[in-house]
Amino acid sequence: MYGTLRGALVGRKIAFDRESFVATVEGRIAGIGKTIHIKAIHVHYELAVPAEAREATERALAAHPQGCPAHQSVRNAIEISWSAALKAGDQALSVREEKRDPASA
């Protein structure tokens, strides 16, 4: 998802600080012993963009899971979510995916 988001930003010609663009990934597993499986994955981004790129960046964040082959491959088996600490110019924002009805997935 990190690479897909990076590509979405580059494709939209959004300047971003490549040094501070990071993702932290947390997973939740279930099972006992050798029989475990991944239940959930959460990706948290930290990203700085120019103030004028805020709306385009928020759109890229909202759309990037649909363009990610890994996300699309496992989305029906593993709960995947994302959030972002977005700095747009001098403004600090917290952005989260909109939760959708699992029946519509």
PDB file of N, CA and C in Angstrom:
ATOM      1  N   MET A   1       0.814  -1.174   0.000  1.00  0.00           N
ATOM      2  CA  MET A   1       0.000   0.000   0.000  1.00  0.00           C
ATOM      3  C   MET A   1       0.871   1.255   0.000  1.00  0.00           C
ATOM      4  N   TYR A   2       2.009   1.186   0.683  1.00  0.00           N
ATOM      5  CA  TYR A   2       2.927   2.326   0.736  1.00  0.00           C
ATOM      6  C   TYR A   2       3.359   2.719  -0.676  1.00  0.00           C
ATOM      7  N   GLY A   3       3.775   1.734  -1.456  1.00  0.00           N
ATOM      8  CA  GLY A   3       4.221   2.013  -2.816  1.00  0.00           C
ATOM      9  C   GLY A   3       3.094   2.505  -3.702  1.00  0.00           C
ATOM     10  N   THR A   4       1.900   1.981  -3.503  1.00  0.00           N
ATOM     11  CA  THR A   4       0.750   2.426  -4.293  1.00  0.00           C
ATOM     12  C   THR A   4       0.407   3.870  -3.955  1.00  0.00           C
ATOM     13  N   LEU A   5       0.446   4.233  -2.675  1.00  0.00           N
ATOM     14  CA  LEU A   5       0.185   5.618  -2.293  1.00  0.00           C
ATOM     15  C   LEU A   5       1.259   6.532  -2.852  1.00  0.00           C
ATOM     16  N   ARG A   6       2.500   6.105  -2.756  1.00  0.00           N
ATOM     17  CA  ARG A   6       3.600   6.920  -3.308  1.00  0.00           C
ATOM     18  C   ARG A   6       3.383   7.143  -4.802  1.00  0.00           C
ATOM     19  N   GLY A   7       2.999   6.097  -5.525  1.00  0.00           N
ATOM     20  CA  GLY A   7       2.724   6.230  -6.952  1.00  0.00           C
ATOM     21  C   GLY A   7       1.547   7.155  -7.235  1.00  0.00           C
ATOM     22  N   ALA A   8       0.531   7.103  -6.377  1.00  0.00           N
ATOM     23  CA  ALA A   8      -0.633   7.987  -6.545  1.00  0.00           C
ATOM     24  C   ALA A   8      -0.233   9.445  -6.347  1.00  0.00           C
ATOM     25  N   LEU A   9       0.655   9.706  -5.400  1.00  0.00           N
ATOM     26  CA  LEU A   9       1.125  11.074  -5.174  1.00  0.00           C
ATOM     27  C   LEU A   9       1.964  11.555  -6.356  1.00  0.00           C
ATOM     28  N   VAL A  10       2.863  10.713  -6.820  1.00  0.00           N
ATOM     29  CA  VAL A  10       3.717  11.070  -7.961  1.00  0.00           C
ATOM     30  C   VAL A  10       2.857  11.278  -9.205  1.00  0.00           C
ATOM     31  N   GLY A  11       1.898  10.395  -9.434  1.00  0.00           N
ATOM     32  CA  GLY A  11       1.023  10.514 -10.594  1.00  0.00           C
ATOM     33  C   GLY A  11       0.206  11.788 -10.592  1.00  0.00           C
ATOM     34  N   ARG A  12      -0.122  12.292  -9.416  1.00  0.00           N
ATOM     35  CA  ARG A  12      -0.886  13.540  -9.293  1.00  0.00           C
ATOM     36  C   ARG A  12       0.040  14.749  -9.225  1.00  0.00           C
ATOM     37  N   LYS A  13       1.341  14.497  -9.351  1.00  0.00           N
ATOM     38  CA  LYS A  13       2.368  15.536  -9.286  1.00  0.00           C
ATOM     39  C   LYS A  13       2.318  16.318  -7.967  1.00  0.00           C
ATOM     40  N   ILE A  14       2.066  15.582  -6.879  1.00  0.00           N
ATOM     41  CA  ILE A  14       2.057  16.170  -5.543  1.00  0.00           C
ATOM     42  C   ILE A  14       3.463  16.078  -4.973  1.00  0.00           C
ATOM     43  N   ALA A  15       4.029  17.236  -4.664  1.00  0.00           N
ATOM     44  CA  ALA A  15       5.353  17.252  -4.042  1.00  0.00           C
ATOM     45  C   ALA A  15       5.193  16.791  -2.598  1.00  0.00           C
ATOM     46  N   PHE A  16       6.041  15.868  -2.181  1.00  0.00           N
ATOM     47  CA  PHE A  16       6.002  15.409  -0.797  1.00  0.00           C
ATOM     48  C   PHE A  16       7.416  15.163  -0.329  1.00  0.00           C
ATOM     49  N   ASP A  17       7.609  15.263   0.959  1.00  0.00           N
ATOM     50  CA  ASP A  17       8.924  15.065   1.555  1.00  0.00           C
ATOM     51  C   ASP A  17       9.214  13.568   1.625  1.00  0.00           C
ATOM     52  N   ARG A  18      10.040  13.091   0.718  1.00  0.00           N
ATOM     53  CA  ARG A  18      10.335  11.663   0.637  1.00  0.00           C
ATOM     54  C   ARG A  18      11.075  11.137   1.870  1.00  0.00           C
ATOM     55  N   GLU A  19      11.794  12.013   2.545  1.00  0.00           N
ATOM     56  CA  GLU A  19      12.542  11.605   3.739  1.00  0.00           C
ATOM     57  C   GLU A  19      11.610  11.362   4.930  1.00  0.00           C
ATOM     58  N   SER A  20      10.535  12.135   5.021  1.00  0.00           N
ATOM     59  CA  SER A  20       9.652  11.986   6.177  1.00  0.00           C
ATOM     60  C   SER A  20       8.397  11.172   5.862  1.00  0.00           C
ATOM     61  N   PHE A  21       8.241  10.707   4.619  1.00  0.00           N
ATOM     62  CA  PHE A  21       7.098   9.871   4.251  1.00  0.00           C
ATOM     63  C   PHE A  21       7.381   8.464   4.752  1.00  0.00           C
ATOM     64  N   VAL A  22       6.687   8.081   5.818  1.00  0.00           N
ATOM     65  CA  VAL A  22       6.905   6.768   6.422  1.00  0.00           C
ATOM     66  C   VAL A  22       5.573   6.080   6.664  1.00  0.00           C
ATOM     67  N   ALA A  23       5.639   4.778   6.772  1.00  0.00           N
ATOM     68  CA  ALA A  23       4.464   3.990   7.118  1.00  0.00           C
ATOM     69  C   ALA A  23       4.843   3.044   8.242  1.00  0.00           C
ATOM     70  N   THR A  24       3.960   2.939   9.214  1.00  0.00           N
ATOM     71  CA  THR A  24       4.102   1.989  10.300  1.00  0.00           C
ATOM     72  C   THR A  24       2.980   0.978  10.135  1.00  0.00           C
ATOM     73  N   VAL A  25       3.324  -0.291  10.177  1.00  0.00           N
ATOM     74  CA  VAL A  25       2.336  -1.339   9.943  1.00  0.00           C
ATOM     75  C   VAL A  25       2.206  -2.193  11.205  1.00  0.00           C
ATOM     76  N   GLU A  26       0.958  -2.411  11.599  1.00  0.00           N
ATOM     77  CA  GLU A  26       0.667  -3.267  12.742  1.00  0.00           C
ATOM     78  C   GLU A  26      -0.233  -4.391  12.265  1.00  0.00           C
ATOM     79  N   GLY A  27      -0.012  -5.575  12.794  1.00  0.00           N
ATOM     80  CA  GLY A  27      -0.841  -6.710  12.431  1.00  0.00           C
ATOM     81  C   GLY A  27      -1.420  -7.387  13.655  1.00  0.00           C
ATOM     82  N   ARG A  28      -2.529  -8.049  13.463  1.00  0.00           N
ATOM     83  CA  ARG A  28      -3.149  -8.830  14.534  1.00  0.00           C
ATOM     84  C   ARG A  28      -3.292 -10.254  14.020  1.00  0.00           C
ATOM     85  N   ILE A  29      -2.777 -11.205  14.792  1.00  0.00           N
ATOM     86  CA  ILE A  29      -2.855 -12.601  14.388  1.00  0.00           C
ATOM     87  C   ILE A  29      -3.747 -13.370  15.354  1.00  0.00           C
ATOM     88  N   ALA A  30      -4.224 -14.501  14.893  1.00  0.00           N
ATOM     89  CA  ALA A  30      -5.055 -15.367  15.726  1.00  0.00           C
ATOM     90  C   ALA A  30      -4.587 -16.793  15.526  1.00  0.00           C
ATOM     91  N   GLY A  31      -4.863 -17.610  16.502  1.00  0.00           N
ATOM     92  CA  GLY A  31      -4.496 -19.014  16.408  1.00  0.00           C
ATOM     93  C   GLY A  31      -3.549 -19.400  17.512  1.00  0.00           C
ATOM     94  N   ILE A  32      -3.288 -20.693  17.559  1.00  0.00           N
ATOM     95  CA  ILE A  32      -2.426 -21.244  18.594  1.00  0.00           C
ATOM     96  C   ILE A  32      -1.366 -22.102  17.916  1.00  0.00           C
ATOM     97  N   GLY A  33      -0.153 -22.010  18.408  1.00  0.00           N
ATOM     98  CA  GLY A  33       0.923 -22.862  17.902  1.00  0.00           C
ATOM     99  C   GLY A  33       1.266 -22.559  16.460  1.00  0.00           C
ATOM    100  N   LYS A  34       1.368 -23.611  15.649  1.00  0.00           N
ATOM    101  CA  LYS A  34       1.751 -23.453  14.249  1.00  0.00           C
ATOM    102  C   LYS A  34       0.596 -23.023  13.365  1.00  0.00           C
ATOM    103  N   THR A  35      -0.613 -23.125  13.876  1.00  0.00           N
ATOM    104  CA  THR A  35      -1.779 -22.773  13.075  1.00  0.00           C
ATOM    105  C   THR A  35      -2.236 -21.366  13.445  1.00  0.00           C
ATOM    106  N   ILE A  36      -1.612 -20.385  12.845  1.00  0.00           N
ATOM    107  CA  ILE A  36      -2.002 -19.003  13.071  1.00  0.00           C
ATOM    108  C   ILE A  36      -2.385 -18.384  11.733  1.00  0.00           C
ATOM    109  N   HIS A  37      -3.124 -17.306  11.786  1.00  0.00           N
ATOM    110  CA  HIS A  37      -3.427 -16.567  10.569  1.00  0.00           C
ATOM    111  C   HIS A  37      -3.558 -15.088  10.901  1.00  0.00           C
ATOM    112  N   ILE A  38      -3.346 -14.266   9.888  1.00  0.00           N
ATOM    113  CA  ILE A  38      -3.435 -12.822  10.045  1.00  0.00           C
ATOM    114  C   ILE A  38      -4.905 -12.436  10.045  1.00  0.00           C
ATOM    115  N   LYS A  39      -5.338 -11.747  11.085  1.00  0.00           N
ATOM    116  CA  LYS A  39      -6.722 -11.283  11.192  1.00  0.00           C
ATOM    117  C   LYS A  39      -6.875  -9.863  10.655  1.00  0.00           C
ATOM    118  N   ALA A  40      -5.891  -8.996  10.950  1.00  0.00           N
ATOM    119  CA  ALA A  40      -6.030  -7.587  10.570  1.00  0.00           C
ATOM    120  C   ALA A  40      -4.662  -6.952  10.369  1.00  0.00           C
ATOM    121  N   ILE A  41      -4.640  -5.965   9.492  1.00  0.00           N
ATOM    122  CA  ILE A  41      -3.443  -5.164   9.228  1.00  0.00           C
ATOM    123  C   ILE A  41      -3.875  -3.707   9.243  1.00  0.00           C
ATOM    124  N   HIS A  42      -3.106  -2.873   9.949  1.00  0.00           N
ATOM    125  CA  HIS A  42      -3.366  -1.427   9.945  1.00  0.00           C
ATOM    126  C   HIS A  42      -2.089  -0.719   9.513  1.00  0.00           C
ATOM    127  N   VAL A  43      -2.215   0.157   8.525  1.00  0.00           N
ATOM    128  CA  VAL A  43      -1.088   0.939   8.023  1.00  0.00           C
ATOM    129  C   VAL A  43      -1.309   2.386   8.442  1.00  0.00           C
ATOM    130  N   HIS A  44      -0.310   2.979   9.097  1.00  0.00           N
ATOM    131  CA  HIS A  44      -0.381   4.393   9.484  1.00  0.00           C
ATOM    132  C   HIS A  44       0.722   5.139   8.751  1.00  0.00           C
ATOM    133  N   TYR A  45       0.322   6.154   7.991  1.00  0.00           N
ATOM    134  CA  TYR A  45       1.259   6.971   7.215  1.00  0.00           C
ATOM    135  C   TYR A  45       1.564   8.268   7.947  1.00  0.00           C
ATOM    136  N   GLU A  46       2.773   8.772   7.755  1.00  0.00           N
ATOM    137  CA  GLU A  46       3.144  10.124   8.140  1.00  0.00           C
ATOM    138  C   GLU A  46       3.645  10.775   6.873  1.00  0.00           C
ATOM    139  N   LEU A  47       3.050  11.932   6.534  1.00  0.00           N
ATOM    140  CA  LEU A  47       3.269  12.522   5.226  1.00  0.00           C
ATOM    141  C   LEU A  47       3.164  14.031   5.298  1.00  0.00           C
ATOM    142  N   ALA A  48       4.079  14.739   4.636  1.00  0.00           N
ATOM    143  CA  ALA A  48       4.042  16.205   4.558  1.00  0.00           C
ATOM    144  C   ALA A  48       3.948  16.615   3.094  1.00  0.00           C
ATOM    145  N   VAL A  49       2.988  17.498   2.803  1.00  0.00           N
ATOM    146  CA  VAL A  49       2.766  18.005   1.448  1.00  0.00           C
ATOM    147  C   VAL A  49       2.548  19.513   1.517  1.00  0.00           C
ATOM    148  N   PRO A  50       2.663  20.214   0.389  1.00  0.00           N
ATOM    149  CA  PRO A  50       2.343  21.643   0.380  1.00  0.00           C
ATOM    150  C   PRO A  50       0.860  21.859   0.688  1.00  0.00           C
ATOM    151  N   ALA A  51       0.546  23.008   1.267  1.00  0.00           N
ATOM    152  CA  ALA A  51      -0.839  23.321   1.646  1.00  0.00           C
ATOM    153  C   ALA A  51      -1.797  23.187   0.474  1.00  0.00           C
ATOM    154  N   GLU A  52      -1.386  23.612  -0.700  1.00  0.00           N
ATOM    155  CA  GLU A  52      -2.276  23.578  -1.871  1.00  0.00           C
ATOM    156  C   GLU A  52      -2.538  22.155  -2.379  1.00  0.00           C
ATOM    157  N   ALA A  53      -1.802  21.185  -1.870  1.00  0.00           N
ATOM    158  CA  ALA A  53      -1.984  19.792  -2.297  1.00  0.00           C
ATOM    159  C   ALA A  53      -2.844  18.988  -1.322  1.00  0.00           C
ATOM    160  N   ARG A  54      -3.409  19.644  -0.323  1.00  0.00           N
ATOM    161  CA  ARG A  54      -4.166  18.929   0.707  1.00  0.00           C
ATOM    162  C   ARG A  54      -5.303  18.094   0.122  1.00  0.00           C
ATOM    163  N   GLU A  55      -6.184  18.708  -0.640  1.00  0.00           N
ATOM    164  CA  GLU A  55      -7.353  17.988  -1.152  1.00  0.00           C
ATOM    165  C   GLU A  55      -6.956  16.846  -2.076  1.00  0.00           C
ATOM    166  N   ALA A  56      -5.992  17.079  -2.953  1.00  0.00           N
ATOM    167  CA  ALA A  56      -5.537  16.015  -3.863  1.00  0.00           C
ATOM    168  C   ALA A  56      -4.894  14.872  -3.080  1.00  0.00           C
ATOM    169  N   THR A  57      -4.178  15.198  -2.011  1.00  0.00           N
ATOM    170  CA  THR A  57      -3.560  14.170  -1.179  1.00  0.00           C
ATOM    171  C   THR A  57      -4.627  13.357  -0.458  1.00  0.00           C
ATOM    172  N   GLU A  58      -5.641  14.026   0.061  1.00  0.00           N
ATOM    173  CA  GLU A  58      -6.728  13.304   0.724  1.00  0.00           C
ATOM    174  C   GLU A  58      -7.445  12.381  -0.257  1.00  0.00           C
ATOM    175  N   ARG A  59      -7.608  12.806  -1.506  1.00  0.00           N
ATOM    176  CA  ARG A  59      -8.225  11.942  -2.522  1.00  0.00           C
ATOM    177  C   ARG A  59      -7.322  10.754  -2.833  1.00  0.00           C
ATOM    178  N   ALA A  60      -6.010  10.986  -2.919  1.00  0.00           N
ATOM    179  CA  ALA A  60      -5.059   9.893  -3.173  1.00  0.00           C
ATOM    180  C   ALA A  60      -5.097   8.882  -2.026  1.00  0.00           C
ATOM    181  N   LEU A  61      -5.162   9.373  -0.796  1.00  0.00           N
ATOM    182  CA  LEU A  61      -5.257   8.473   0.354  1.00  0.00           C
ATOM    183  C   LEU A  61      -6.530   7.637   0.275  1.00  0.00           C
ATOM    184  N   ALA A  62      -7.642   8.268  -0.034  1.00  0.00           N
ATOM    185  CA  ALA A  62      -8.918   7.546  -0.090  1.00  0.00           C
ATOM    186  C   ALA A  62      -8.930   6.495  -1.198  1.00  0.00           C
ATOM    187  N   ALA A  63      -8.260   6.765  -2.306  1.00  0.00           N
ATOM    188  CA  ALA A  63      -8.316   5.873  -3.466  1.00  0.00           C
ATOM    189  C   ALA A  63      -7.230   4.806  -3.494  1.00  0.00           C
ATOM    190  N   HIS A  64      -6.144   4.984  -2.760  1.00  0.00           N
ATOM    191  CA  HIS A  64      -5.002   4.087  -2.939  1.00  0.00           C
ATOM    192  C   HIS A  64      -5.275   2.617  -2.636  1.00  0.00           C
ATOM    193  N   PRO A  65      -6.129   2.240  -1.702  1.00  0.00           N
ATOM    194  CA  PRO A  65      -6.351   0.799  -1.500  1.00  0.00           C
ATOM    195  C   PRO A  65      -6.928   0.103  -2.739  1.00  0.00           C
ATOM    196  N   GLN A  66      -7.785   0.799  -3.469  1.00  0.00           N
ATOM    197  CA  GLN A  66      -8.379   0.190  -4.658  1.00  0.00           C
ATOM    198  C   GLN A  66      -7.347  -0.050  -5.757  1.00  0.00           C
ATOM    199  N   GLY A  67      -6.249   0.690  -5.736  1.00  0.00           N
ATOM    200  CA  GLY A  67      -5.210   0.519  -6.739  1.00  0.00           C
ATOM    201  C   GLY A  67      -4.069  -0.387  -6.306  1.00  0.00           C
ATOM    202  N   CYS A  68      -4.146  -0.916  -5.105  1.00  0.00           N
ATOM    203  CA  CYS A  68      -3.057  -1.731  -4.566  1.00  0.00           C
ATOM    204  C   CYS A  68      -3.317  -3.213  -4.815  1.00  0.00           C
ATOM    205  N   PRO A  69      -2.487  -3.875  -5.611  1.00  0.00           N
ATOM    206  CA  PRO A  69      -2.695  -5.298  -5.889  1.00  0.00           C
ATOM    207  C   PRO A  69      -2.682  -6.170  -4.638  1.00  0.00           C
ATOM    208  N   ALA A  70      -1.810  -5.879  -3.681  1.00  0.00           N
ATOM    209  CA  ALA A  70      -1.757  -6.689  -2.457  1.00  0.00           C
ATOM    210  C   ALA A  70      -3.047  -6.521  -1.656  1.00  0.00           C
ATOM    211  N   HIS A  71      -3.515  -5.301  -1.528  1.00  0.00           N
ATOM    212  CA  HIS A  71      -4.764  -5.046  -0.805  1.00  0.00           C
ATOM    213  C   HIS A  71      -5.924  -5.762  -1.471  1.00  0.00           C
ATOM    214  N   GLN A  72      -6.007  -5.666  -2.767  1.00  0.00           N
ATOM    215  CA  GLN A  72      -7.104  -6.292  -3.493  1.00  0.00           C
ATOM    216  C   GLN A  72      -7.037  -7.815  -3.395  1.00  0.00           C
ATOM    217  N   SER A  73      -5.843  -8.362  -3.278  1.00  0.00           N
ATOM    218  CA  SER A  73      -5.674  -9.815  -3.204  1.00  0.00           C
ATOM    219  C   SER A  73      -6.146 -10.404  -1.882  1.00  0.00           C
ATOM    220  N   VAL A  74      -6.012  -9.652  -0.789  1.00  0.00           N
ATOM    221  CA  VAL A  74      -6.321 -10.221   0.523  1.00  0.00           C
ATOM    222  C   VAL A  74      -7.489  -9.544   1.238  1.00  0.00           C
ATOM    223  N   ARG A  75      -8.092  -8.546   0.643  1.00  0.00           N
ATOM    224  CA  ARG A  75      -9.093  -7.737   1.345  1.00  0.00           C
ATOM    225  C   ARG A  75     -10.305  -8.522   1.829  1.00  0.00           C
ATOM    226  N   ASN A  76     -10.647  -9.617   1.176  1.00  0.00           N
ATOM    227  CA  ASN A  76     -11.784 -10.408   1.629  1.00  0.00           C
ATOM    228  C   ASN A  76     -11.412 -11.410   2.723  1.00  0.00           C
ATOM    229  N   ALA A  77     -10.117 -11.586   2.973  1.00  0.00           N
ATOM    230  CA  ALA A  77      -9.663 -12.543   3.981  1.00  0.00           C
ATOM    231  C   ALA A  77      -9.068 -11.869   5.215  1.00  0.00           C
ATOM    232  N   ILE A  78      -8.557 -10.657   5.048  1.00  0.00           N
ATOM    233  CA  ILE A  78      -7.880  -9.945   6.133  1.00  0.00           C
ATOM    234  C   ILE A  78      -8.462  -8.543   6.218  1.00  0.00           C
ATOM    235  N   GLU A  79      -8.817  -8.125   7.421  1.00  0.00           N
ATOM    236  CA  GLU A  79      -9.296  -6.758   7.621  1.00  0.00           C
ATOM    237  C   GLU A  79      -8.105  -5.817   7.470  1.00  0.00           C
ATOM    238  N   ILE A  80      -8.194  -4.876   6.540  1.00  0.00           N
ATOM    239  CA  ILE A  80      -7.106  -3.934   6.291  1.00  0.00           C
ATOM    240  C   ILE A  80      -7.639  -2.522   6.492  1.00  0.00           C
ATOM    241  N   SER A  81      -6.897  -1.721   7.251  1.00  0.00           N
ATOM    242  CA  SER A  81      -7.292  -0.336   7.481  1.00  0.00           C
ATOM    243  C   SER A  81      -6.069   0.558   7.369  1.00  0.00           C
ATOM    244  N   TRP A  82      -6.317   1.859   7.241  1.00  0.00           N
ATOM    245  CA  TRP A  82      -5.218   2.814   7.176  1.00  0.00           C
ATOM    246  C   TRP A  82      -5.631   4.113   7.856  1.00  0.00           C
ATOM    247  N   SER A  83      -4.635   4.865   8.264  1.00  0.00           N
ATOM    248  CA  SER A  83      -4.812   6.208   8.802  1.00  0.00           C
ATOM    249  C   SER A  83      -3.572   7.002   8.406  1.00  0.00           C
ATOM    250  N   ALA A  84      -3.669   8.313   8.532  1.00  0.00           N
ATOM    251  CA  ALA A  84      -2.525   9.142   8.158  1.00  0.00           C
ATOM    252  C   ALA A  84      -2.447  10.378   9.036  1.00  0.00           C
ATOM    253  N   ALA A  85      -1.226  10.723   9.404  1.00  0.00           N
ATOM    254  CA  ALA A  85      -0.922  12.011  10.015  1.00  0.00           C
ATOM    255  C   ALA A  85      -0.398  12.849   8.853  1.00  0.00           C
ATOM    256  N   LEU A  86      -1.212  13.763   8.395  1.00  0.00           N
ATOM    257  CA  LEU A  86      -0.905  14.556   7.201  1.00  0.00           C
ATOM    258  C   LEU A  86      -0.580  15.976   7.612  1.00  0.00           C
ATOM    259  N   LYS A  87       0.561  16.448   7.176  1.00  0.00           N
ATOM    260  CA  LYS A  87       0.921  17.845   7.374  1.00  0.00           C
ATOM    261  C   LYS A  87       0.808  18.512   6.016  1.00  0.00           C
ATOM    262  N   ALA A  88      -0.154  19.422   5.897  1.00  0.00           N
ATOM    263  CA  ALA A  88      -0.377  20.156   4.651  1.00  0.00           C
ATOM    264  C   ALA A  88      -0.014  21.608   4.918  1.00  0.00           C
ATOM    265  N   GLY A  89       1.178  21.989   4.480  1.00  0.00           N
ATOM    266  CA  GLY A  89       1.673  23.321   4.825  1.00  0.00           C
ATOM    267  C   GLY A  89       1.884  23.391   6.320  1.00  0.00           C
ATOM    268  N   ASP A  90       1.234  24.368   6.973  1.00  0.00           N
ATOM    269  CA  ASP A  90       1.350  24.522   8.424  1.00  0.00           C
ATOM    270  C   ASP A  90       0.260  23.789   9.188  1.00  0.00           C
ATOM    271  N   GLN A  91      -0.662  23.164   8.479  1.00  0.00           N
ATOM    272  CA  GLN A  91      -1.803  22.513   9.110  1.00  0.00           C
ATOM    273  C   GLN A  91      -1.530  21.021   9.315  1.00  0.00           C
ATOM    274  N   ALA A  92      -1.771  20.536  10.524  1.00  0.00           N
ATOM    275  CA  ALA A  92      -1.620  19.111  10.840  1.00  0.00           C
ATOM    276  C   ALA A  92      -3.006  18.482  10.886  1.00  0.00           C
ATOM    277  N   LEU A  93      -3.176  17.386  10.158  1.00  0.00           N
ATOM    278  CA  LEU A  93      -4.471  16.731  10.058  1.00  0.00           C
ATOM    279  C   LEU A  93      -4.345  15.252  10.367  1.00  0.00           C
ATOM    280  N   SER A  94      -5.416  14.693  10.864  1.00  0.00           N
ATOM    281  CA  SER A  94      -5.510  13.250  11.025  1.00  0.00           C
ATOM    282  C   SER A  94      -6.543  12.772  10.014  1.00  0.00           C
ATOM    283  N   VAL A  95      -6.144  11.862   9.142  1.00  0.00           N
ATOM    284  CA  VAL A  95      -7.030  11.366   8.093  1.00  0.00           C
ATOM    285  C   VAL A  95      -7.179   9.863   8.287  1.00  0.00           C
ATOM    286  N   ARG A  96      -8.409   9.383   8.188  1.00  0.00           N
ATOM    287  CA  ARG A  96      -8.683   7.946   8.315  1.00  0.00           C
ATOM    288  C   ARG A  96      -9.561   7.517   7.160  1.00  0.00           C
ATOM    289  N   GLU A  97      -9.458   6.248   6.838  1.00  0.00           N
ATOM    290  CA  GLU A  97     -10.347   5.720   5.813  1.00  0.00           C
ATOM    291  C   GLU A  97     -11.776   5.757   6.316  1.00  0.00           C
ATOM    292  N   GLU A  98     -12.689   5.903   5.391  1.00  0.00           N
ATOM    293  CA  GLU A  98     -14.095   5.819   5.749  1.00  0.00           C
ATOM    294  C   GLU A  98     -14.457   4.353   5.824  1.00  0.00           C
ATOM    295  N   LYS A  99     -15.095   3.970   6.897  1.00  0.00           N
ATOM    296  CA  LYS A  99     -15.509   2.573   7.051  1.00  0.00           C
ATOM    297  C   LYS A  99     -16.690   2.329   6.128  1.00  0.00           C
ATOM    298  N   ARG A 100     -16.656   1.186   5.460  1.00  0.00           N
ATOM    299  CA  ARG A 100     -17.763   0.844   4.577  1.00  0.00           C
ATOM    300  C   ARG A 100     -18.427  -0.420   5.074  1.00  0.00           C
ATOM    301  N   ASP A 101     -19.595  -0.651   4.594  1.00  0.00           N
ATOM    302  CA  ASP A 101     -20.374  -1.833   4.960  1.00  0.00           C
ATOM    303  C   ASP A 101     -19.676  -3.063   4.397  1.00  0.00           C
ATOM    304  N   PRO A 102     -19.285  -4.043   5.242  1.00  0.00           N
ATOM    305  CA  PRO A 102     -18.594  -5.240   4.752  1.00  0.00           C
ATOM    306  C   PRO A 102     -19.389  -5.975   3.673  1.00  0.00           C
ATOM    307  N   ALA A 103     -20.693  -5.864   3.678  1.00  0.00           N
ATOM    308  CA  ALA A 103     -21.506  -6.532   2.666  1.00  0.00           C
ATOM    309  C   ALA A 103     -21.291  -5.931   1.285  1.00  0.00           C
ATOM    310  N   SER A 104     -20.790  -4.685   1.230  1.00  0.00           N
ATOM    311  CA  SER A 104     -20.576  -4.049  -0.069  1.00  0.00           C
ATOM    312  C   SER A 104     -19.184  -4.296  -0.616  1.00  0.00           C
ATOM    313  N   ALA A 105     -18.333  -4.979   0.153  1.00  0.00           N
ATOM    314  CA  ALA A 105     -16.940  -5.227  -0.275  1.00  0.00           C
ATOM    315  C   ALA A 105     -16.860  -6.253  -1.372  1.00  0.00           C
TER     316      ALA A 105
END
